[in-house]
Protein backbone atom coordinates (compact mmCIF):
# COMPACT_ATOMS: atom_id res chain seq x y z
CA UNK A 1 -0.01 0.26 -0.08
CA UNK A 2 1.48 3.41 -1.03
CA UNK A 3 2.31 6.01 2.00
CA UNK A 4 -0.76 8.47 0.42
CA UNK A 5 -3.54 5.62 0.53
CA UNK A 6 -2.16 4.55 4.41
CA UNK A 7 -2.41 7.56 5.45
CA UNK A 8 -6.16 8.64 4.20
CA UNK A 9 -7.01 5.10 5.74
CA UNK A 10 -5.48 6.39 8.95
CA UNK A 11 -7.51 9.42 8.92
CA UNK A 12 -10.48 7.24 8.81
CA UNK A 13 -9.55 4.73 11.39
CA UNK A 14 -8.53 6.84 14.22
CA UNK A 15 -11.30 7.38 16.93
CA UNK A 16 -10.75 10.20 19.41
CA UNK A 17 -11.60 9.00 22.56
CA UNK A 18 -14.50 10.90 23.61
CA UNK A 19 -13.51 11.08 27.38
CA UNK A 20 -10.50 12.97 25.77
CA UNK A 21 -12.57 15.34 23.53
CA UNK A 22 -14.94 16.00 27.09
CA UNK A 23 -11.84 16.97 29.07
CA UNK A 24 -10.21 18.85 26.14
CA UNK A 25 -13.47 20.79 25.60
CA UNK A 26 -13.85 21.54 29.27
CA UNK A 27 -10.53 22.88 30.03
CA UNK A 28 -9.59 24.42 26.80
CA UNK A 29 -13.06 25.48 25.54
CA UNK A 30 -12.70 26.50 21.68
CA UNK A 31 -9.01 25.71 21.06
CA UNK A 32 -9.66 22.25 22.80
CA UNK A 33 -12.37 21.36 20.43
CA UNK A 34 -10.37 22.47 17.33
CA UNK A 35 -7.55 19.89 18.50
CA UNK A 36 -9.41 17.44 18.87
CA UNK A 37 -11.04 17.93 15.30
CA UNK A 38 -7.81 17.83 13.54
CA UNK A 39 -6.17 14.70 15.88
CA UNK A 40 -6.99 12.10 12.83
CA UNK A 41 -5.43 14.70 10.34
CA UNK A 42 -2.45 15.48 12.95
CA UNK A 43 -1.76 11.42 13.20
CA UNK A 44 -1.91 10.75 10.11
CA UNK A 45 0.64 13.40 8.99
CA UNK A 46 3.10 12.38 11.63
CA UNK A 47 2.76 8.76 10.70
CA UNK A 48 3.57 9.74 7.19
CA UNK A 49 6.37 12.33 7.88
CA UNK A 50 8.19 10.05 10.22
CA UNK A 51 7.44 6.68 8.25
CA UNK A 52 5.32 5.10 10.91
CA UNK A 53 2.72 2.04 11.14
CA UNK A 54 0.09 1.53 13.73
CA UNK A 55 0.37 -1.60 15.41
CA UNK A 56 -2.17 -1.47 18.25
CA UNK A 57 -4.85 0.32 19.65
CA UNK A 58 -4.85 3.90 20.62
CA UNK A 59 -4.34 5.03 24.67
CA UNK A 60 -4.97 8.46 26.33
CA UNK A 61 -4.73 10.25 29.34
CA UNK A 62 -6.46 13.84 30.50
CA UNK A 63 -4.44 15.58 27.31
CA UNK A 64 -2.70 13.75 24.53
CA UNK A 65 -3.86 10.85 22.63
CA UNK A 66 -0.73 7.82 22.01
CA UNK A 67 -0.30 5.29 19.43
CA UNK A 68 1.88 2.62 19.40
CA UNK A 69 3.38 2.61 15.99
CA UNK A 70 6.75 0.79 14.40
CA UNK A 71 9.71 2.61 12.54
CA UNK A 72 10.64 1.66 9.40
CA UNK A 73 13.22 0.43 11.05
CA UNK A 74 11.22 -2.27 13.29
CA UNK A 75 11.74 0.17 16.40
CA UNK A 76 8.67 0.27 18.08
CA UNK A 77 7.51 3.51 19.84
CA UNK A 78 4.50 5.60 20.80
CA UNK A 79 3.67 8.53 19.17
CA UNK A 80 2.37 10.99 21.20
CA UNK A 81 -0.31 13.72 20.02
CA UNK A 82 -0.89 16.78 22.26
CA UNK A 83 -2.51 20.44 22.72
CA UNK A 84 0.98 22.53 23.00
CA UNK A 85 0.51 24.93 26.21
CA UNK A 86 3.48 25.73 28.86
CA UNK A 87 3.36 22.74 30.56
CA UNK A 88 3.82 20.03 27.47
CA UNK A 89 6.09 22.42 25.49
CA UNK A 90 8.45 21.83 28.35
CA UNK A 91 8.32 17.93 28.31
CA UNK A 92 10.57 17.37 25.43
CA UNK A 93 12.83 19.54 27.15
CA UNK A 94 13.26 17.52 30.46
CA UNK A 95 13.43 14.37 28.40
CA UNK A 96 16.31 15.11 26.52
CA UNK A 97 18.14 16.49 29.97
CA UNK A 98 17.13 12.74 31.46
CA UNK A 99 17.80 11.10 28.16
CA UNK A 100 15.96 8.18 29.22
CA UNK A 101 17.96 8.15 32.58
CA UNK A 102 15.11 7.30 34.83
CA UNK A 103 12.58 8.54 32.21
CA UNK A 104 11.24 7.21 28.99
CA UNK A 105 13.31 8.26 25.95
CA UNK A 106 12.92 11.04 23.19
CA UNK A 107 13.14 9.62 19.84
CA UNK A 108 11.90 12.50 18.00
CA UNK A 109 10.13 15.56 18.14
CA UNK A 110 8.34 18.70 16.08
CA UNK A 111 8.56 21.61 18.11
CA UNK A 112 5.80 23.35 16.10
CA UNK A 113 2.52 20.96 17.21
CA UNK A 114 4.25 19.33 20.46
CA UNK A 115 4.26 16.10 18.67
CA UNK A 116 6.85 13.28 20.16
CA UNK A 117 7.88 10.03 19.04
CA UNK A 118 8.67 8.23 22.62
CA UNK A 119 10.77 4.76 23.45
CA UNK A 120 7.32 2.33 23.77
CA UNK A 121 7.49 1.24 27.45
CA UNK A 122 4.91 -1.62 29.01
CA UNK A 123 1.76 -0.37 29.29
CA UNK A 124 0.43 -3.18 31.10
CA UNK A 125 2.92 -3.08 33.62
CA UNK A 126 2.42 0.08 35.72
CA UNK A 127 3.39 1.03 39.11
CA UNK A 128 -0.45 1.98 39.68
CA UNK A 129 -1.30 -2.36 39.26
CA UNK A 130 1.63 -2.77 42.53
CA UNK A 131 -0.45 -3.79 45.19
CA UNK A 132 2.45 -2.76 48.05
CA UNK A 133 1.49 1.43 48.00
CA UNK A 134 4.34 1.33 50.08
CA UNK A 135 6.59 0.01 47.61
CA UNK A 136 5.35 1.86 44.78
CA UNK A 137 5.68 5.22 47.47
CA UNK A 138 9.54 4.17 47.58
CA UNK A 139 9.77 3.67 43.69
CA UNK A 140 8.65 7.27 43.71
CA UNK A 141 10.78 8.71 45.96
CA UNK A 142 14.17 6.90 44.17
CA UNK A 143 13.00 8.15 40.64
CA UNK A 144 12.45 11.55 42.14
CA UNK A 145 15.93 11.47 43.97
CA UNK A 146 17.03 10.37 40.38
CA UNK A 147 15.05 12.95 38.29
CA UNK A 148 15.74 16.03 40.50
CA UNK A 149 19.89 15.22 40.52
CA UNK A 150 19.84 17.42 37.23
CA UNK A 151 19.80 21.05 37.16
CA UNK A 152 16.99 22.73 35.39
CA UNK A 153 17.72 23.77 31.91
CA UNK A 154 17.17 27.54 30.73
CA UNK A 155 13.38 28.25 29.92
CA UNK A 156 11.55 25.89 31.78
CA UNK A 157 8.71 27.51 33.88
CA UNK A 158 10.09 28.29 37.47
CA UNK A 159 8.95 27.64 41.03
CA UNK A 160 9.41 31.08 41.70
CA UNK A 161 7.65 32.58 39.61
CA UNK A 162 4.52 30.30 40.07
CA UNK A 163 4.68 30.59 43.81
CA UNK A 164 4.87 34.69 43.25
CA UNK A 165 1.75 34.43 41.07
CA UNK A 166 -0.05 31.96 43.74
CA UNK A 167 1.02 34.49 46.88
CA UNK A 168 -0.72 37.17 44.66
CA UNK A 169 -3.63 35.41 44.12
CA UNK A 170 -3.93 33.90 47.61
CA UNK A 171 -5.87 37.34 49.31
CA UNK A 172 -8.84 37.15 45.97
CA UNK A 173 -9.05 33.60 46.78
CA UNK A 174 -9.51 33.80 50.51
CA UNK A 175 -12.34 36.08 50.51
CA UNK A 176 -14.07 33.57 48.26
CA UNK A 177 -13.39 30.96 50.53
CA UNK A 178 -17.02 31.08 52.86
CA UNK A 179 -15.82 28.07 55.25
CA UNK A 180 -13.69 29.58 58.43
CA UNK A 181 -11.81 26.36 58.90
CA UNK A 182 -10.63 26.07 54.99
CA UNK A 183 -10.06 29.71 55.19
CA UNK A 184 -7.73 29.43 57.69
CA UNK A 185 -6.26 25.87 56.45
CA UNK A 186 -5.14 27.69 53.09
CA UNK A 187 -4.25 30.99 54.55
CA UNK A 188 -1.89 29.00 56.93
CA UNK A 189 -0.54 27.19 53.31
CA UNK A 190 0.26 30.60 51.83
CA UNK A 191 1.88 31.73 55.24
CA UNK A 192 4.76 28.34 54.85
CA UNK A 193 5.20 28.90 51.20
CA UNK A 194 6.50 32.53 52.22
CA UNK A 195 8.82 31.50 54.50
CA UNK A 196 10.51 29.55 51.44
CA UNK A 197 9.42 31.60 48.54
CA UNK A 198 13.09 33.67 48.72
CA UNK A 199 14.49 30.12 48.04
CA UNK A 200 12.61 28.19 45.29
CA UNK A 201 15.69 26.08 43.65
CA UNK A 202 17.10 25.08 40.57
CA UNK A 203 16.40 21.26 40.22
CA UNK A 204 14.67 20.01 37.01
CA UNK A 205 11.31 18.66 38.38
CA UNK A 206 8.57 16.15 37.05
CA UNK A 207 5.77 18.02 39.34
CA UNK A 208 3.40 15.11 37.70
CA UNK A 209 4.71 11.77 39.52
CA UNK A 210 2.29 9.67 40.51
CA UNK A 211 2.35 5.95 40.04
CA UNK A 212 -0.24 6.18 36.99
CA UNK A 213 2.79 7.86 35.21
CA UNK A 214 5.73 5.15 36.28
CA UNK A 215 5.89 2.17 33.66
CA UNK A 216 8.22 -0.69 33.64
CA UNK A 217 10.34 -1.39 30.39
CA UNK A 218 12.58 -4.37 29.21
CA UNK A 219 15.55 -1.66 30.06
CA UNK A 220 14.64 -0.85 33.60
CA UNK A 221 12.15 -1.75 36.32
CA UNK A 222 10.62 1.53 36.10
CA UNK A 223 10.31 4.98 33.97
CA UNK A 224 8.85 8.23 34.34
CA UNK A 225 6.48 9.39 31.58
CA UNK A 226 4.51 12.77 31.07
CA UNK A 227 6.50 14.94 32.83
CA UNK A 228 4.89 18.42 33.41
CA UNK A 229 8.67 19.86 33.98
CA UNK A 230 9.71 23.08 36.01
CA UNK A 231 12.44 24.15 37.90
CA UNK A 232 12.59 24.57 41.78
CA UNK A 233 13.13 22.44 45.13
CA UNK A 234 12.23 19.26 44.99
CA UNK A 235 10.01 19.38 47.93
CA UNK A 236 7.62 20.46 45.55
CA UNK A 237 7.50 17.07 44.16
CA UNK A 238 5.90 14.88 46.90
CA UNK A 239 2.34 15.95 46.83
CA UNK A 240 1.11 13.43 43.80
CA UNK A 241 2.11 10.32 45.85
CA UNK A 242 0.88 11.84 49.21
CA UNK A 243 -2.64 12.24 47.53
CA UNK A 244 -2.61 9.16 45.10
CA UNK A 245 -4.60 6.05 46.48
CA UNK A 246 -4.87 8.45 49.21
CA UNK A 247 -5.17 6.64 52.82
CA UNK A 248 -5.40 9.41 55.64
CA UNK A 249 -3.69 7.01 57.92
CA UNK A 250 -0.63 6.88 55.49
CA UNK A 251 0.10 9.94 54.60
CA UNK A 252 2.89 10.40 57.06
CA UNK A 253 4.78 7.84 56.44
CA UNK A 254 4.74 8.46 52.78
CA UNK A 255 5.85 11.89 53.55
CA UNK A 256 8.56 10.46 56.15
CA UNK A 257 9.37 8.08 53.71
CA UNK A 258 10.06 10.12 50.80
CA UNK A 259 11.83 12.79 52.50
CA UNK A 260 14.42 10.39 53.34
CA UNK A 261 15.06 8.65 50.18
CA UNK A 262 15.69 12.59 48.91
CA UNK A 263 17.45 13.86 51.61
CA UNK A 264 15.04 16.59 51.63
CA UNK A 265 14.90 19.25 54.93
CA UNK A 266 11.77 18.50 55.97
CA UNK A 267 10.26 21.95 57.13
CA UNK A 268 11.01 22.69 53.45
CA UNK A 269 9.62 19.52 51.83
CA UNK A 270 6.07 20.22 54.15
CA UNK A 271 6.17 24.10 53.64
CA UNK A 272 6.53 23.18 49.84
CA UNK A 273 3.88 20.58 50.07
CA UNK A 274 1.52 22.98 51.42
CA UNK A 275 2.29 25.04 48.75
CA UNK A 276 0.93 22.21 46.39
CA UNK A 277 -2.20 22.42 48.25
CA UNK A 278 -2.23 26.22 47.63
CA UNK A 279 -1.97 25.84 44.13
CA UNK A 280 -4.95 23.08 43.89
CA UNK A 281 -6.97 25.37 46.25
CA UNK A 282 -6.20 28.80 44.21
CA UNK A 283 -7.38 26.14 41.08
CA UNK A 284 -10.33 24.91 42.91
CA UNK A 285 -11.90 28.54 43.55
CA UNK A 286 -11.21 29.62 39.94
CA UNK A 287 -13.27 26.86 39.51
CA UNK A 288 -16.03 28.01 41.56
CA UNK A 289 -15.72 25.26 44.18
CA UNK A 290 -14.48 24.39 47.82
CA UNK A 291 -10.57 23.25 48.12
CA UNK A 292 -10.96 19.76 48.88
CA UNK A 293 -11.25 17.88 51.91
CA UNK A 294 -8.87 15.40 51.14
CA UNK A 295 -6.28 17.70 50.31
CA UNK A 296 -7.03 19.72 53.58
CA UNK A 297 -6.68 16.37 55.32
CA UNK A 298 -3.04 15.98 53.86
CA UNK A 299 -2.04 19.08 55.13
CA UNK A 300 -3.49 18.36 58.73
CA UNK A 301 -1.73 14.81 59.00
CA UNK A 302 1.93 16.81 57.75
CA UNK A 303 0.85 18.63 61.01
CA UNK A 304 1.67 15.78 63.24
CA UNK A 305 4.61 14.90 65.01
CA UNK A 306 6.80 12.30 63.09
CA UNK A 307 6.07 8.60 64.38
């Protein structure tokens, strides 16, 4: 079959998952709907440009469509198509720095669209499938210890800028939280962040390393995927493993285990973890919602003395 006939057929057979379409429409509005509309053509164009063939069913997360493909030389890979934004534009930058060391390897990248060709990992062997949550947290901690050992390259989002914006927005948000206890908790988080804001750090952060963003491969037991990278303090990395598979009684164990593995100062790590709660709470208020009780419970548990 000729490449032109093949790409025409691809346009017809690629079905965009309804969940991905719904999320893009909700989060990105008209821009998201336009992205979904052009996805089949975008996929077909890159299959042709990079001489790839589909060899499995499409996968997706909240923001990207991932197609299993085989290259002309027989290499099995994954074609990732996503809407280019301030988070996704940093992904190839971070992956090039890590160069497969603790993270999925980047094989090719198109800067204009954010499309990436990635090493194929084993999507059936996800860290989330590991029944022992403590072992899962330790895997994440060891990956973070390695990934954050790299200095952040120039051009990435910076935690210092994010922190400044959060603290500027906090008074506005506090006026819109009617519950006094919740309002006080968010204000306390902001106060803790102010104590560390002058030293935001310069390490390369993944930002979203939870157990569904860690996959196995033939060359390494576990590798990180889907970074939303920024430059900052590794203490800002702990939140996903505290909130994922949430267990209030386990929060303090997870925090202590991760700070031990990463060798972090606990008070700084606690402050930056409160920063993640502040970030999430600001997003909730922007959406007209109250900060999530589960997130507030994490903050309460972190105030308990080390057991």
